């Protein structure tokens, strides 16, 4: 008979944990539903065809570390190669002793200092 109260206590403890879990889930359910709604709204706004096409900024002017191993900073991103060249020229004019590239994806368009002039 001494085992029965301990087993009952274990069942009560388990039921208490389940009630606590249910209570916590109900508190967080409204938060997760609200968050889902906000994310869904933001994604719908991004799908707007009138939104500026930032994803098409494929021409990038990059500042490299001294060993030319890593990009330290993307100085500019442009949607056209003409604007990319202008941004590249401005970056070189402002920081002539640094290493820069103008690239579209992995395709190298220009670099400074120009390896052909070394």
C-alpha atoms as a PDB file:
ATOM      1  CA  UNK A   1       0.000   0.000   0.000  1.00  0.00           C
ATOM      2  CA  UNK A   2       2.918   2.346   0.464  1.00  0.00           C
ATOM      3  CA  UNK A   3       3.555   2.300  -3.323  1.00  0.00           C
ATOM      4  CA  UNK A   4       0.099   3.554  -4.329  1.00  0.00           C
ATOM      5  CA  UNK A   5       0.445   7.146  -2.993  1.00  0.00           C
ATOM      6  CA  UNK A   6       3.825   7.534  -4.689  1.00  0.00           C
ATOM      7  CA  UNK A   7       2.331   6.357  -7.997  1.00  0.00           C
ATOM      8  CA  UNK A   8      -0.628   8.704  -7.553  1.00  0.00           C
ATOM      9  CA  UNK A   9       1.810  11.544  -6.803  1.00  0.00           C
ATOM     10  CA  UNK A  10       3.688  10.730 -10.008  1.00  0.00           C
ATOM     11  CA  UNK A  11       0.467  10.821 -12.028  1.00  0.00           C
ATOM     12  CA  UNK A  12      -0.552  14.107 -10.432  1.00  0.00           C
ATOM     13  CA  UNK A  13       2.885  15.530 -11.145  1.00  0.00           C
ATOM     14  CA  UNK A  14       2.642  14.419 -14.790  1.00  0.00           C
ATOM     15  CA  UNK A  15      -0.842  15.949 -15.111  1.00  0.00           C
ATOM     16  CA  UNK A  16       0.470  19.158 -13.571  1.00  0.00           C
ATOM     17  CA  UNK A  17       3.293  19.271 -16.122  1.00  0.00           C
ATOM     18  CA  UNK A  18       0.819  18.684 -18.964  1.00  0.00           C
ATOM     19  CA  UNK A  19      -1.401  21.507 -17.704  1.00  0.00           C
ATOM     20  CA  UNK A  20       1.628  23.809 -17.469  1.00  0.00           C
ATOM     21  CA  UNK A  21       2.663  22.856 -20.997  1.00  0.00           C
ATOM     22  CA  UNK A  22      -0.868  23.495 -22.307  1.00  0.00           C
ATOM     23  CA  UNK A  23      -0.927  26.891 -20.568  1.00  0.00           C
ATOM     24  CA  UNK A  24       2.476  27.874 -22.030  1.00  0.00           C
ATOM     25  CA  UNK A  25       1.440  26.727 -25.510  1.00  0.00           C
ATOM     26  CA  UNK A  26      -1.743  28.771 -25.389  1.00  0.00           C
ATOM     27  CA  UNK A  27       0.242  31.846 -24.348  1.00  0.00           C
ATOM     28  CA  UNK A  28       2.682  31.422 -27.237  1.00  0.00           C
ATOM     29  CA  UNK A  29       0.120  30.387 -29.835  1.00  0.00           C
ATOM     30  CA  UNK A  30      -1.157  33.930 -30.270  1.00  0.00           C
ATOM     31  CA  UNK A  31       2.416  35.226 -30.493  1.00  0.00           C
ATOM     32  CA  UNK A  32       3.389  32.727 -33.189  1.00  0.00           C
ATOM     33  CA  UNK A  33       0.167  33.401 -35.122  1.00  0.00           C
ATOM     34  CA  UNK A  34       0.818  37.136 -34.967  1.00  0.00           C
ATOM     35  CA  UNK A  35       4.433  36.626 -36.085  1.00  0.00           C
ATOM     36  CA  UNK A  36       3.286  34.417 -38.964  1.00  0.00           C
ATOM     37  CA  UNK A  37       0.901  37.170 -40.082  1.00  0.00           C
ATOM     38  CA  UNK A  38       3.638  39.813 -39.978  1.00  0.00           C
ATOM     39  CA  UNK A  39       6.080  37.654 -41.953  1.00  0.00           C
ATOM     40  CA  UNK A  40       3.412  36.777 -44.504  1.00  0.00           C
ATOM     41  CA  UNK A  41       2.588  40.475 -44.928  1.00  0.00           C
ATOM     42  CA  UNK A  42       6.253  41.383 -45.420  1.00  0.00           C
ATOM     43  CA  UNK A  43       6.696  38.617 -48.012  1.00  0.00           C
ATOM     44  CA  UNK A  44       3.628  39.856 -49.899  1.00  0.00           C
ATOM     45  CA  UNK A  45       5.092  43.371 -49.944  1.00  0.00           C
ATOM     46  CA  UNK A  46       8.369  42.003 -51.343  1.00  0.00           C
ATOM     47  CA  UNK A  47       6.433  40.251 -54.111  1.00  0.00           C
ATOM     48  CA  UNK A  48       5.035  43.593 -55.303  1.00  0.00           C
ATOM     49  CA  UNK A  49       6.111  44.040 -58.954  1.00  0.00           C
ATOM     50  CA  UNK A  50       6.400  47.810 -58.430  1.00  0.00           C
ATOM     51  CA  UNK A  51       9.057  47.367 -55.734  1.00  0.00           C
ATOM     52  CA  UNK A  52      12.541  48.541 -56.676  1.00  0.00           C
ATOM     53  CA  UNK A  53      14.541  45.598 -57.987  1.00  0.00           C
ATOM     54  CA  UNK A  54      17.343  45.500 -55.409  1.00  0.00           C
ATOM     55  CA  UNK A  55      18.100  41.893 -56.294  1.00  0.00           C
ATOM     56  CA  UNK A  56      19.260  43.058 -59.727  1.00  0.00           C
ATOM     57  CA  UNK A  57      22.152  45.061 -58.255  1.00  0.00           C
ATOM     58  CA  UNK A  58      24.591  42.553 -59.685  1.00  0.00           C
ATOM     59  CA  UNK A  59      27.529  44.880 -60.411  1.00  0.00           C
ATOM     60  CA  UNK A  60      29.569  45.254 -57.235  1.00  0.00           C
ATOM     61  CA  UNK A  61      32.573  47.385 -56.328  1.00  0.00           C
ATOM     62  CA  UNK A  62      34.511  45.513 -53.652  1.00  0.00           C
ATOM     63  CA  UNK A  63      37.323  46.619 -51.358  1.00  0.00           C
ATOM     64  CA  UNK A  64      39.744  43.752 -50.692  1.00  0.00           C
ATOM     65  CA  UNK A  65      42.209  43.095 -47.885  1.00  0.00           C
ATOM     66  CA  UNK A  66      45.896  43.719 -48.617  1.00  0.00           C
ATOM     67  CA  UNK A  67      46.538  40.079 -49.580  1.00  0.00           C
ATOM     68  CA  UNK A  68      43.509  40.101 -51.913  1.00  0.00           C
ATOM     69  CA  UNK A  69      42.114  37.038 -50.125  1.00  0.00           C
ATOM     70  CA  UNK A  70      38.868  38.448 -48.735  1.00  0.00           C
ATOM     71  CA  UNK A  71      36.378  41.164 -49.564  1.00  0.00           C
ATOM     72  CA  UNK A  72      36.422  43.628 -46.670  1.00  0.00           C
ATOM     73  CA  UNK A  73      33.553  45.781 -47.859  1.00  0.00           C
ATOM     74  CA  UNK A  74      31.135  46.085 -50.767  1.00  0.00           C
ATOM     75  CA  UNK A  75      31.557  49.788 -51.560  1.00  0.00           C
ATOM     76  CA  UNK A  76      28.736  49.949 -54.106  1.00  0.00           C
ATOM     77  CA  UNK A  77      26.154  47.794 -55.838  1.00  0.00           C
ATOM     78  CA  UNK A  78      24.603  48.852 -59.121  1.00  0.00           C
ATOM     79  CA  UNK A  79      22.067  47.546 -61.577  1.00  0.00           C
ATOM     80  CA  UNK A  80      23.999  48.730 -64.631  1.00  0.00           C
ATOM     81  CA  UNK A  81      27.617  48.342 -65.658  1.00  0.00           C
ATOM     82  CA  UNK A  82      27.884  52.082 -66.411  1.00  0.00           C
ATOM     83  CA  UNK A  83      26.995  53.025 -62.852  1.00  0.00           C
ATOM     84  CA  UNK A  84      29.306  50.246 -61.639  1.00  0.00           C
ATOM     85  CA  UNK A  85      32.242  51.773 -63.572  1.00  0.00           C
ATOM     86  CA  UNK A  86      31.466  55.223 -62.136  1.00  0.00           C
ATOM     87  CA  UNK A  87      31.343  53.840 -58.599  1.00  0.00           C
ATOM     88  CA  UNK A  88      34.605  51.967 -59.206  1.00  0.00           C
ATOM     89  CA  UNK A  89      36.310  55.152 -60.455  1.00  0.00           C
ATOM     90  CA  UNK A  90      35.033  57.102 -57.432  1.00  0.00           C
ATOM     91  CA  UNK A  91      36.267  54.434 -55.002  1.00  0.00           C
ATOM     92  CA  UNK A  92      39.733  54.383 -56.601  1.00  0.00           C
ATOM     93  CA  UNK A  93      39.863  58.193 -56.551  1.00  0.00           C
ATOM     94  CA  UNK A  94      38.989  58.255 -52.834  1.00  0.00           C
ATOM     95  CA  UNK A  95      41.267  55.398 -51.786  1.00  0.00           C
ATOM     96  CA  UNK A  96      43.999  55.031 -54.444  1.00  0.00           C
ATOM     97  CA  UNK A  97      46.201  52.767 -52.299  1.00  0.00           C
ATOM     98  CA  UNK A  98      43.534  50.106 -51.781  1.00  0.00           C
ATOM     99  CA  UNK A  99      42.633  47.027 -53.833  1.00  0.00           C
ATOM    100  CA  UNK A 100      39.268  47.163 -55.626  1.00  0.00           C
ATOM    101  CA  UNK A 101      37.360  45.002 -58.039  1.00  0.00           C
ATOM    102  CA  UNK A 102      34.300  45.601 -60.139  1.00  0.00           C
ATOM    103  CA  UNK A 103      32.554  42.289 -60.595  1.00  0.00           C
ATOM    104  CA  UNK A 104      29.304  40.836 -61.789  1.00  0.00           C
ATOM    105  CA  UNK A 105      28.968  37.619 -59.843  1.00  0.00           C
ATOM    106  CA  UNK A 106      32.276  35.833 -60.304  1.00  0.00           C
ATOM    107  CA  UNK A 107      33.080  37.647 -63.553  1.00  0.00           C
ATOM    108  CA  UNK A 108      35.870  40.186 -63.033  1.00  0.00           C
ATOM    109  CA  UNK A 109      35.293  43.381 -65.024  1.00  0.00           C
ATOM    110  CA  UNK A 110      38.009  45.655 -63.592  1.00  0.00           C
ATOM    111  CA  UNK A 111      40.509  45.699 -60.763  1.00  0.00           C
ATOM    112  CA  UNK A 112      42.747  48.251 -59.098  1.00  0.00           C
ATOM    113  CA  UNK A 113      45.649  48.288 -59.084  1.00  0.00           C
ATOM    114  CA  UNK A 114      45.588  47.006 -62.632  1.00  0.00           C
ATOM    115  CA  UNK A 115      47.803  43.863 -62.761  1.00  0.00           C
ATOM    116  CA  UNK A 116      48.783  44.714 -66.347  1.00  0.00           C
ATOM    117  CA  UNK A 117      50.452  47.914 -65.140  1.00  0.00           C
ATOM    118  CA  UNK A 118      52.603  46.345 -62.402  1.00  0.00           C
END
